């Protein structure tokens, strides 16, 4: 190789001496180095490999550069020789640092590799970085993606070679003695040879197959911002994978809910005692029951019956939410729990407008309590639809509604329905009164079944719901 073809800083050997002379205060035998008969190497960069290497942070690169300046290269640059040039395979950051330092690359600084197969060469470039550099699991996975592609390409080659050797085509592969049958459908990305491409790739980059699988899901579904946080170690694979799983399950449940058959007009009002009429509702069919029983002490046993019916009708993970009179929370909770429902939490409703009196306790009612129960050990996936506060700021009930003067505000119903159901699901109110829960349900794109023992209230509920939505469309 002619010196005239090299960059200026690489030409004469006295450049090597010049480089070491600049560091003469380090106590190194510079004269021996400067006078060594070493050949200066000209290296060419292949952009494919240069772009494949994750960039160091500025701090990491400056530390590397300082280390080379003080101690030289700890690892040789790995190159291949194509008959004309030395092509850099590994050591791009070290090579760049040497260039910036004006340090020439000599024959002692390189290791020449020869690959008969381009796939072997590509795999080497990626794996050597994953092994030597301090990659986190997500960075190893991204290297593993390249390895997986390479392994699949090798599998296709083996399949093609097997077809040529045994004369077996794609449509004539029924001989159990053929190599193709032993390869387990090599064109399938999930199975070939002695193991799956994913498992082999995970092993080569040093992560468990389950971690690789989860990272692959993140790679396909997560935002670029999330992926960057994983590369920087600011997020965890298991955490992000769990988020995706929950979101997918929620989307699946929403899609299934939208396919549910609809009631006529999306609403059904039933006159009668809930103890009798609930029998007409199939078991395990209702995701939410929200009701407002009488607050009188003599009516507390109703909570036993409500709990029993709720336990039968609710889907697994469904919710039963009920109002309760002040001072009777503990009794109501125990009555409902007898059914097998699990007490989940309380929600406080801050009342608006004029406050009623609790005469026997000589107190004003500035708030009321909702009791929340769940069927089973935990709610359905995706429910609540988001973190829900345990405080509701109510509004003054709509005075235009037909029915009882003490009817509830729609605000509480909207809050409960929005958080505890998906669109198109059915909400049941066993004591529906004038239909405020029905209004909230239809307003949010849900269906509604209301039951009330008072025939006039059933009529009022039907009137209020239909009048409220006359000329309007429900919103999902």
Protein backbone atom coordinates (compact mmCIF):
# COMPACT_ATOMS: atom_id res chain seq x y z
CA UNK A 1 0.00 0.00 0.00
CA UNK A 2 1.50 3.34 -1.05
CA UNK A 3 1.94 5.97 1.64
CA UNK A 4 0.77 8.57 -0.88
CA UNK A 5 -2.74 7.08 -0.73
CA UNK A 6 -3.05 7.56 3.03
CA UNK A 7 -4.37 10.60 4.91
CA UNK A 8 -1.61 12.97 6.00
CA UNK A 9 -1.69 11.97 9.65
CA UNK A 10 -1.21 8.32 8.68
CA UNK A 11 1.63 8.67 6.14
CA UNK A 12 5.18 8.80 7.56
CA UNK A 13 6.19 6.69 10.51
CA UNK A 14 7.46 9.74 12.32
CA UNK A 15 3.77 10.51 12.96
CA UNK A 16 3.79 7.60 15.38
CA UNK A 17 6.78 9.16 17.12
CA UNK A 18 5.05 12.52 17.12
CA UNK A 19 1.99 11.02 18.77
CA UNK A 20 3.95 9.39 21.59
CA UNK A 21 6.15 12.45 21.97
CA UNK A 22 3.09 14.46 22.91
CA UNK A 23 2.72 12.23 25.99
CA UNK A 24 6.36 12.09 27.10
CA UNK A 25 5.44 13.05 30.66
CA UNK A 26 3.73 9.70 31.20
CA UNK A 27 6.99 7.83 31.86
CA UNK A 28 6.53 5.39 28.96
CA UNK A 29 9.44 4.06 26.91
CA UNK A 30 8.48 6.30 24.01
CA UNK A 31 11.67 5.86 22.02
CA UNK A 32 11.12 2.12 21.70
CA UNK A 33 7.62 2.68 20.47
CA UNK A 34 8.49 5.47 18.13
CA UNK A 35 11.23 3.52 16.42
CA UNK A 36 9.27 0.27 16.03
CA UNK A 37 8.98 -0.81 12.43
CA UNK A 38 5.19 -0.89 12.31
CA UNK A 39 3.01 -0.52 9.25
CA UNK A 40 0.34 2.15 9.43
CA UNK A 41 -3.05 0.79 8.43
CA UNK A 42 -5.69 2.62 6.40
CA UNK A 43 -9.20 1.63 7.48
CA UNK A 44 -12.48 2.06 5.65
CA UNK A 45 -15.88 2.40 7.39
CA UNK A 46 -18.90 0.39 6.26
CA UNK A 47 -21.97 2.56 7.11
CA UNK A 48 -24.07 -0.59 7.69
CA UNK A 49 -21.91 -1.57 10.62
CA UNK A 50 -21.24 1.94 11.84
CA UNK A 51 -24.98 2.60 12.14
CA UNK A 52 -25.57 -0.73 13.85
CA UNK A 53 -23.51 0.25 16.87
CA UNK A 54 -25.46 2.10 19.63
CA UNK A 55 -23.90 5.47 20.25
CA UNK A 56 -22.08 6.17 23.47
CA UNK A 57 -23.10 9.08 25.63
CA UNK A 58 -20.82 12.12 25.49
CA UNK A 59 -19.45 11.22 28.91
CA UNK A 60 -18.72 7.62 27.92
CA UNK A 61 -17.01 8.69 24.72
CA UNK A 62 -14.80 11.27 26.45
CA UNK A 63 -13.77 8.67 29.05
CA UNK A 64 -12.89 6.24 26.26
CA UNK A 65 -10.90 8.90 24.44
CA UNK A 66 -8.99 9.83 27.58
CA UNK A 67 -8.23 6.17 28.26
CA UNK A 68 -6.79 5.71 24.75
CA UNK A 69 -4.77 8.88 25.14
CA UNK A 70 -3.23 7.67 28.41
CA UNK A 71 -2.99 3.91 27.95
CA UNK A 72 -3.50 3.14 24.29
CA UNK A 73 -5.99 0.63 22.93
CA UNK A 74 -7.07 -2.06 25.36
CA UNK A 75 -8.90 -3.98 22.62
CA UNK A 76 -7.78 -4.36 19.06
CA UNK A 77 -9.89 -3.06 16.22
CA UNK A 78 -11.44 -5.95 14.35
CA UNK A 79 -11.30 -5.66 10.57
CA UNK A 80 -11.72 -7.73 7.46
CA UNK A 81 -9.66 -7.41 4.28
CA UNK A 82 -11.61 -7.39 1.04
CA UNK A 83 -8.55 -7.45 -1.22
CA UNK A 84 -8.42 -3.66 -1.44
CA UNK A 85 -9.27 -2.22 1.96
CA UNK A 86 -9.36 -3.07 5.61
CA UNK A 87 -13.06 -2.73 6.55
CA UNK A 88 -13.79 -1.95 10.19
CA UNK A 89 -16.08 -4.51 11.83
CA UNK A 90 -15.71 -3.68 15.51
CA UNK A 91 -14.25 -0.70 17.35
CA UNK A 92 -15.95 2.28 15.69
CA UNK A 93 -15.82 4.49 18.77
CA UNK A 94 -12.18 3.59 19.43
CA UNK A 95 -11.29 4.29 15.81
CA UNK A 96 -13.04 7.66 15.92
CA UNK A 97 -11.22 8.56 19.14
CA UNK A 98 -7.87 7.63 17.57
CA UNK A 99 -8.61 9.86 14.60
CA UNK A 100 -9.47 12.80 16.84
CA UNK A 101 -6.32 12.22 18.88
CA UNK A 102 -4.20 12.02 15.74
CA UNK A 103 -3.14 8.55 16.77
CA UNK A 104 -2.36 6.33 13.73
CA UNK A 105 -3.58 2.74 13.57
CA UNK A 106 -0.78 0.24 13.11
CA UNK A 107 -0.71 -3.47 12.39
CA UNK A 108 -0.46 -4.14 16.14
CA UNK A 109 -3.80 -2.38 16.68
CA UNK A 110 -5.87 -4.62 14.44
CA UNK A 111 -7.17 -8.16 14.33
CA UNK A 112 -8.09 -9.44 10.88
CA UNK A 113 -11.15 -11.69 10.70
CA UNK A 114 -12.24 -13.76 7.74
CA UNK A 115 -15.81 -14.90 7.20
CA UNK A 116 -16.95 -17.24 4.47
CA UNK A 117 -20.60 -16.39 5.12
CA UNK A 118 -21.85 -12.76 5.24
CA UNK A 119 -24.41 -13.81 7.88
CA UNK A 120 -21.60 -14.98 10.17
CA UNK A 121 -19.88 -11.65 9.69
CA UNK A 122 -23.03 -9.65 10.48
CA UNK A 123 -23.76 -11.77 13.55
CA UNK A 124 -20.20 -11.29 14.83
CA UNK A 125 -20.44 -7.50 14.58
CA UNK A 126 -23.60 -7.36 16.65
CA UNK A 127 -22.82 -10.02 19.25
CA UNK A 128 -19.33 -8.78 20.07
CA UNK A 129 -20.79 -5.39 21.01
CA UNK A 130 -23.49 -6.99 23.15
CA UNK A 131 -20.88 -9.07 24.97
CA UNK A 132 -18.22 -6.42 25.55
CA UNK A 133 -20.32 -3.35 26.21
CA UNK A 134 -22.51 -2.99 29.28
CA UNK A 135 -25.84 -3.38 27.52
CA UNK A 136 -29.04 -3.52 29.53
CA UNK A 137 -31.61 -6.18 28.68
CA UNK A 138 -33.51 -4.05 26.17
CA UNK A 139 -30.35 -3.14 24.29
CA UNK A 140 -29.42 -6.84 24.24
CA UNK A 141 -32.87 -7.59 22.87
CA UNK A 142 -32.42 -5.09 20.03
CA UNK A 143 -29.20 -6.87 19.15
CA UNK A 144 -31.10 -10.14 19.44
CA UNK A 145 -33.62 -8.95 16.84
CA UNK A 146 -30.84 -8.84 14.28
CA UNK A 147 -29.64 -12.27 15.37
CA UNK A 148 -33.18 -13.62 15.06
CA UNK A 149 -33.39 -12.38 11.48
CA UNK A 150 -30.04 -14.01 10.73
CA UNK A 151 -31.14 -17.31 12.32
CA UNK A 152 -34.34 -17.30 10.26
CA UNK A 153 -32.34 -16.66 7.10
CA UNK A 154 -30.10 -19.60 7.96
CA UNK A 155 -33.18 -21.73 8.52
CA UNK A 156 -34.53 -20.83 5.10
CA UNK A 157 -31.22 -21.78 3.58
CA UNK A 158 -31.32 -25.15 5.30
CA UNK A 159 -34.82 -25.73 4.09
CA UNK A 160 -33.85 -24.81 0.56
CA UNK A 161 -30.77 -27.04 0.74
CA UNK A 162 -32.85 -29.92 2.10
CA UNK A 163 -35.27 -29.52 -0.78
CA UNK A 164 -32.46 -29.68 -3.30
CA UNK A 165 -30.83 -32.71 -1.68
CA UNK A 166 -33.97 -34.76 -1.17
CA UNK A 167 -36.05 -33.37 -4.02
CA UNK A 168 -38.84 -32.37 -1.68
CA UNK A 169 -40.87 -29.32 -2.61
CA UNK A 170 -43.29 -27.36 -0.50
CA UNK A 171 -46.30 -29.40 -1.66
CA UNK A 172 -44.65 -32.82 -1.46
CA UNK A 173 -43.25 -32.99 2.04
CA UNK A 174 -44.87 -36.03 3.57
CA UNK A 175 -41.94 -38.44 3.85
CA UNK A 176 -41.09 -38.81 7.54
CA UNK A 177 -37.56 -39.87 6.59
CA UNK A 178 -36.80 -36.59 4.84
CA UNK A 179 -34.70 -33.86 6.37
CA UNK A 180 -37.54 -31.39 5.78
CA UNK A 181 -39.83 -33.26 8.16
CA UNK A 182 -37.16 -33.07 10.84
CA UNK A 183 -36.77 -29.34 10.33
CA UNK A 184 -40.30 -28.63 11.57
CA UNK A 185 -41.32 -26.19 8.83
CA UNK A 186 -38.23 -24.06 8.48
CA UNK A 187 -40.14 -21.18 6.94
CA UNK A 188 -42.01 -20.74 10.21
CA UNK A 189 -40.31 -18.03 12.25
CA UNK A 190 -41.23 -19.80 15.49
CA UNK A 191 -39.76 -23.23 14.81
CA UNK A 192 -36.78 -24.73 13.07
CA UNK A 193 -33.93 -27.14 13.74
CA UNK A 194 -33.24 -27.80 17.41
CA UNK A 195 -34.99 -24.72 18.75
CA UNK A 196 -36.89 -21.58 18.11
CA UNK A 197 -35.17 -18.64 16.48
CA UNK A 198 -36.28 -16.50 19.41
CA UNK A 199 -34.77 -18.83 22.00
CA UNK A 200 -31.49 -19.18 20.12
CA UNK A 201 -31.21 -15.43 19.66
CA UNK A 202 -31.99 -14.77 23.32
CA UNK A 203 -29.28 -17.21 24.39
CA UNK A 204 -26.69 -15.64 22.10
CA UNK A 205 -27.25 -12.14 23.51
CA UNK A 206 -27.53 -13.36 27.10
CA UNK A 207 -31.17 -12.80 28.11
CA UNK A 208 -33.94 -15.31 29.02
CA UNK A 209 -36.38 -16.22 26.21
CA UNK A 210 -39.28 -14.82 28.24
CA UNK A 211 -37.52 -11.46 28.48
CA UNK A 212 -36.90 -11.53 24.73
CA UNK A 213 -40.59 -12.29 24.07
CA UNK A 214 -41.77 -9.45 26.29
CA UNK A 215 -39.29 -7.00 24.79
CA UNK A 216 -40.46 -8.02 21.33
CA UNK A 217 -44.02 -7.13 22.30
CA UNK A 218 -42.82 -3.75 23.52
CA UNK A 219 -40.88 -3.27 20.28
CA UNK A 220 -44.08 -3.80 18.29
CA UNK A 221 -46.54 -1.89 20.47
CA UNK A 222 -44.84 0.75 22.60
CA UNK A 223 -44.06 4.34 21.70
CA UNK A 224 -40.59 5.41 20.66
CA UNK A 225 -40.38 7.43 23.86
CA UNK A 226 -40.92 4.26 25.91
CA UNK A 227 -38.29 2.38 23.92
CA UNK A 228 -35.78 5.16 24.45
CA UNK A 229 -36.41 5.07 28.20
CA UNK A 230 -35.72 1.34 28.14
CA UNK A 231 -32.46 1.89 26.25
CA UNK A 232 -31.42 4.47 28.83
CA UNK A 233 -32.37 2.25 31.76
CA UNK A 234 -35.18 4.59 32.85
CA UNK A 235 -37.88 1.93 32.43
CA UNK A 236 -38.19 -1.82 33.01
CA UNK A 237 -39.20 -4.44 30.43
CA UNK A 238 -41.58 -6.27 32.79
CA UNK A 239 -43.34 -3.05 33.80
CA UNK A 240 -43.86 -1.83 30.23
CA UNK A 241 -44.95 -5.29 29.10
CA UNK A 242 -47.52 -5.41 31.90
CA UNK A 243 -48.91 -2.05 30.79
CA UNK A 244 -49.33 -3.30 27.23
CA UNK A 245 -51.00 -6.51 28.42
CA UNK A 246 -53.50 -4.59 30.53
CA UNK A 247 -54.26 -2.19 27.69
CA UNK A 248 -54.80 -5.07 25.25
CA UNK A 249 -57.10 -6.89 27.66
CA UNK A 250 -59.06 -3.69 28.16
CA UNK A 251 -59.37 -3.16 24.41
CA UNK A 252 -60.54 -6.75 24.01
CA UNK A 253 -63.20 -6.33 26.70
CA UNK A 254 -64.37 -3.06 25.12
CA UNK A 255 -64.62 -4.77 21.73
CA UNK A 256 -66.58 -7.67 23.25
CA UNK A 257 -68.92 -5.26 25.04
CA UNK A 258 -69.69 -3.46 21.80
CA UNK A 259 -70.84 -6.78 20.30
CA UNK A 260 -73.36 -7.43 23.08
CA UNK A 261 -77.02 -7.54 21.97
CA UNK A 262 -78.84 -4.33 22.77
CA UNK A 263 -82.07 -3.89 24.65
CA UNK A 264 -84.91 -2.20 22.82
CA UNK A 265 -83.88 1.47 22.80
CA UNK A 266 -81.05 0.42 25.13
CA UNK A 267 -83.31 0.58 28.20
CA UNK A 268 -85.76 -1.67 30.06
CA UNK A 269 -87.92 -0.59 33.00
CA UNK A 270 -89.47 -3.39 35.07
CA UNK A 271 -92.22 -2.92 37.65
CA UNK A 272 -92.03 -5.17 40.68
CA UNK A 273 -90.05 -6.19 43.74
CA UNK A 274 -86.40 -6.76 42.85
CA UNK A 275 -86.46 -10.02 44.85
CA UNK A 276 -88.87 -11.43 42.27
CA UNK A 277 -87.89 -9.59 39.09
CA UNK A 278 -84.14 -10.18 39.34
CA UNK A 279 -84.87 -13.85 38.63
CA UNK A 280 -85.64 -12.86 35.03
CA UNK A 281 -82.05 -11.60 34.60
CA UNK A 282 -79.51 -14.33 33.68
CA UNK A 283 -76.78 -15.23 36.16
CA UNK A 284 -73.29 -13.84 35.57
CA UNK A 285 -74.57 -11.26 33.07
CA UNK A 286 -74.38 -7.82 34.72
CA UNK A 287 -71.08 -5.92 35.13
CA UNK A 288 -72.47 -3.17 37.43
CA UNK A 289 -75.35 -2.84 39.87
CA UNK A 290 -75.80 0.66 41.28
CA UNK A 291 -78.76 1.28 43.54
CA UNK A 292 -80.11 3.56 46.25
CA UNK A 293 -82.13 1.68 48.90
CA UNK A 294 -84.18 3.19 51.70
CA UNK A 295 -82.06 4.66 54.49
CA UNK A 296 -84.52 3.68 57.23
CA UNK A 297 -83.25 1.33 59.93
CA UNK A 298 -86.20 -1.02 59.45
CA UNK A 299 -85.15 -1.55 55.81
CA UNK A 300 -81.55 -2.58 56.54
CA UNK A 301 -82.33 -6.29 55.85
CA UNK A 302 -82.77 -5.25 52.20
CA UNK A 303 -78.97 -5.22 51.96
CA UNK A 304 -78.93 -8.99 52.56
CA UNK A 305 -81.31 -9.55 49.65
CA UNK A 306 -79.50 -7.05 47.42
CA UNK A 307 -76.18 -8.76 48.14
CA UNK A 308 -77.62 -12.21 47.38
CA UNK A 309 -79.11 -11.11 44.05
CA UNK A 310 -75.96 -9.17 43.12
CA UNK A 311 -73.79 -12.20 43.79
CA UNK A 312 -75.88 -14.25 41.36
CA UNK A 313 -76.24 -11.68 38.56
CA UNK A 314 -72.79 -10.04 38.53
CA UNK A 315 -70.05 -11.22 36.20
CA UNK A 316 -66.80 -12.23 37.86
CA UNK A 317 -65.05 -9.00 38.80
CA UNK A 318 -68.31 -7.04 38.51
CA UNK A 319 -69.26 -4.32 41.02
CA UNK A 320 -72.17 -3.74 43.35
CA UNK A 321 -72.36 -0.11 44.51
CA UNK A 322 -75.02 1.12 46.92
CA UNK A 323 -75.94 4.20 48.88
CA UNK A 324 -76.28 3.75 52.63
CA UNK A 325 -77.79 5.82 55.44
CA UNK A 326 -75.45 7.61 57.81
CA UNK A 327 -74.58 5.52 60.85
CA UNK A 328 -75.52 2.22 59.22
CA UNK A 329 -72.43 1.61 57.11
CA UNK A 330 -70.99 -1.19 59.26
CA UNK A 331 -74.30 -3.06 59.42
CA UNK A 332 -74.88 -2.76 55.66
CA UNK A 333 -71.34 -3.95 54.89
CA UNK A 334 -71.77 -7.09 57.01
CA UNK A 335 -75.18 -7.84 55.51
CA UNK A 336 -73.86 -7.61 51.94
CA UNK A 337 -70.74 -9.62 52.72
CA UNK A 338 -72.94 -12.53 53.82
CA UNK A 339 -73.65 -13.08 50.12
CA UNK A 340 -69.98 -13.72 49.34
CA UNK A 341 -69.29 -10.32 47.76
CA UNK A 342 -66.00 -8.73 48.79
CA UNK A 343 -66.04 -5.26 50.34
CA UNK A 344 -63.82 -3.07 48.16
CA UNK A 345 -63.96 0.51 49.43
CA UNK A 346 -66.14 3.49 50.32
CA UNK A 347 -66.71 6.61 48.25
CA UNK A 348 -67.77 9.86 49.86
CA UNK A 349 -70.25 12.06 48.02
CA UNK A 350 -70.01 15.77 48.90
CA UNK A 351 -73.56 17.07 48.61
CA UNK A 352 -74.60 20.31 46.94
CA UNK A 353 -77.47 22.67 47.78
CA UNK A 354 -79.51 22.62 50.98
CA UNK A 355 -78.41 19.90 53.36
CA UNK A 356 -80.87 17.59 55.07
CA UNK A 357 -80.87 16.91 58.80
CA UNK A 358 -80.10 13.63 60.54
CA UNK A 359 -82.57 14.27 63.33
CA UNK A 360 -81.85 11.33 65.61
CA UNK A 361 -78.15 12.32 65.64
CA UNK A 362 -78.70 16.09 65.57
CA UNK A 363 -76.39 16.53 62.59
CA UNK A 364 -76.51 18.07 59.12
CA UNK A 365 -75.82 15.75 56.20
CA UNK A 366 -73.04 17.47 54.24
CA UNK A 367 -72.07 14.19 52.59
CA UNK A 368 -73.20 10.63 52.06
CA UNK A 369 -71.42 7.32 51.63
CA UNK A 370 -71.35 4.81 48.80
CA UNK A 371 -70.34 1.23 49.61
CA UNK A 372 -68.43 -0.60 46.87
CA UNK A 373 -68.30 -4.40 46.61
CA UNK A 374 -66.75 -6.70 44.01
CA UNK A 375 -67.59 -10.26 43.00
CA UNK A 376 -64.48 -12.40 43.30
CA UNK A 377 -61.02 -11.51 44.51
CA UNK A 378 -60.43 -8.56 42.18
CA UNK A 379 -62.12 -6.43 39.49
CA UNK A 380 -62.15 -7.27 35.79
CA UNK A 381 -59.07 -6.35 33.77
CA UNK A 382 -59.21 -2.68 32.81
CA UNK A 383 -61.74 -1.84 35.53
CA UNK A 384 -61.74 0.73 37.00
CA UNK A 385 -61.03 2.27 33.60
CA UNK A 386 -58.59 4.63 35.33
CA UNK A 387 -57.66 5.61 38.87
CA UNK A 388 -60.85 6.85 40.49
CA UNK A 389 -60.94 9.29 43.42
CA UNK A 390 -62.84 8.30 46.55
CA UNK A 391 -64.65 11.65 46.62
CA UNK A 392 -67.47 12.81 44.35
CA UNK A 393 -68.57 16.44 44.31
CA UNK A 394 -72.26 16.17 43.63
CA UNK A 395 -74.56 18.68 41.93
CA UNK A 396 -78.09 19.80 42.67
CA UNK A 397 -80.62 17.25 41.33
CA UNK A 398 -82.51 18.19 38.20
CA UNK A 399 -85.84 19.60 39.42
CA UNK A 400 -87.45 18.98 36.04
CA UNK A 401 -87.38 15.22 36.61
CA UNK A 402 -90.73 13.59 37.40
CA UNK A 403 -90.85 11.83 40.73
CA UNK A 404 -89.64 12.08 44.30
CA UNK A 405 -88.35 15.40 45.57
CA UNK A 406 -85.34 13.69 47.19
CA UNK A 407 -84.17 12.03 43.97
CA UNK A 408 -80.40 11.74 43.48
CA UNK A 409 -78.20 13.84 41.23
CA UNK A 410 -77.03 12.28 37.94
CA UNK A 411 -73.43 13.21 38.83
CA UNK A 412 -72.83 10.24 41.14
CA UNK A 413 -74.29 7.79 38.62
CA UNK A 414 -72.13 9.15 35.79
CA UNK A 415 -69.04 8.83 37.97
CA UNK A 416 -69.73 5.20 38.90
CA UNK A 417 -70.85 4.11 35.43
CA UNK A 418 -67.89 5.76 33.68
CA UNK A 419 -65.28 4.14 35.91
CA UNK A 420 -66.77 0.67 36.39
CA UNK A 421 -68.14 -0.30 32.97
CA UNK A 422 -67.20 -0.35 29.30
CA UNK A 423 -69.38 1.16 26.53
CA UNK A 424 -72.47 -0.89 25.58
CA UNK A 425 -72.43 -2.89 28.83
CA UNK A 426 -75.56 -3.08 30.96
CA UNK A 427 -76.08 -1.23 34.23
CA UNK A 428 -78.76 -2.49 36.64
CA UNK A 429 -80.54 -0.44 39.29
CA UNK A 430 -82.72 -2.62 41.53
CA UNK A 431 -84.49 0.42 42.99
CA UNK A 432 -84.34 2.79 40.05
CA UNK A 433 -86.74 5.48 41.30
CA UNK A 434 -87.03 8.25 38.70
CA UNK A 435 -84.23 6.89 36.52
CA UNK A 436 -81.17 9.03 37.22
CA UNK A 437 -78.87 6.01 36.88
CA UNK A 438 -80.57 5.16 33.58
CA UNK A 439 -79.97 8.68 32.29
CA UNK A 440 -76.29 8.43 33.22
CA UNK A 441 -75.96 4.97 31.66
CA UNK A 442 -77.46 5.94 28.30
CA UNK A 443 -75.64 9.25 28.27
CA UNK A 444 -72.35 7.30 28.48
CA UNK A 445 -73.31 4.78 25.81
CA UNK A 446 -74.29 1.96 28.16
CA UNK A 447 -77.54 -0.02 28.42
CA UNK A 448 -79.85 0.14 31.41
CA UNK A 449 -82.25 -2.12 33.28
CA UNK A 450 -84.27 -0.48 36.03
CA UNK A 451 -86.52 -2.22 38.58
CA UNK A 452 -88.83 -0.50 41.05
CA UNK A 453 -91.67 -1.69 43.25
CA UNK A 454 -93.55 1.59 42.75
CA UNK A 455 -95.44 1.54 39.44
CA UNK A 456 -95.63 5.34 39.31
CA UNK A 457 -91.86 5.60 39.70
CA UNK A 458 -91.39 3.13 36.86
CA UNK A 459 -93.53 5.40 34.67
CA UNK A 460 -91.56 8.44 35.84
CA UNK A 461 -88.27 6.73 35.07
CA UNK A 462 -89.44 5.85 31.58
CA UNK A 463 -90.66 9.42 30.98
CA UNK A 464 -87.47 11.03 32.33
CA UNK A 465 -85.12 8.81 30.34
CA UNK A 466 -87.00 9.20 27.06
CA UNK A 467 -87.53 12.92 27.52
CA UNK A 468 -83.89 13.44 28.41
CA UNK A 469 -82.74 11.75 25.23
CA UNK A 470 -85.39 13.09 22.89
CA UNK A 471 -83.43 14.53 19.99
CA UNK A 472 -80.11 13.55 21.60
CA UNK A 473 -77.67 10.70 20.97
CA UNK A 474 -75.92 8.73 23.68
CA UNK A 475 -72.20 9.28 23.90
CA UNK A 476 -69.76 6.35 24.35
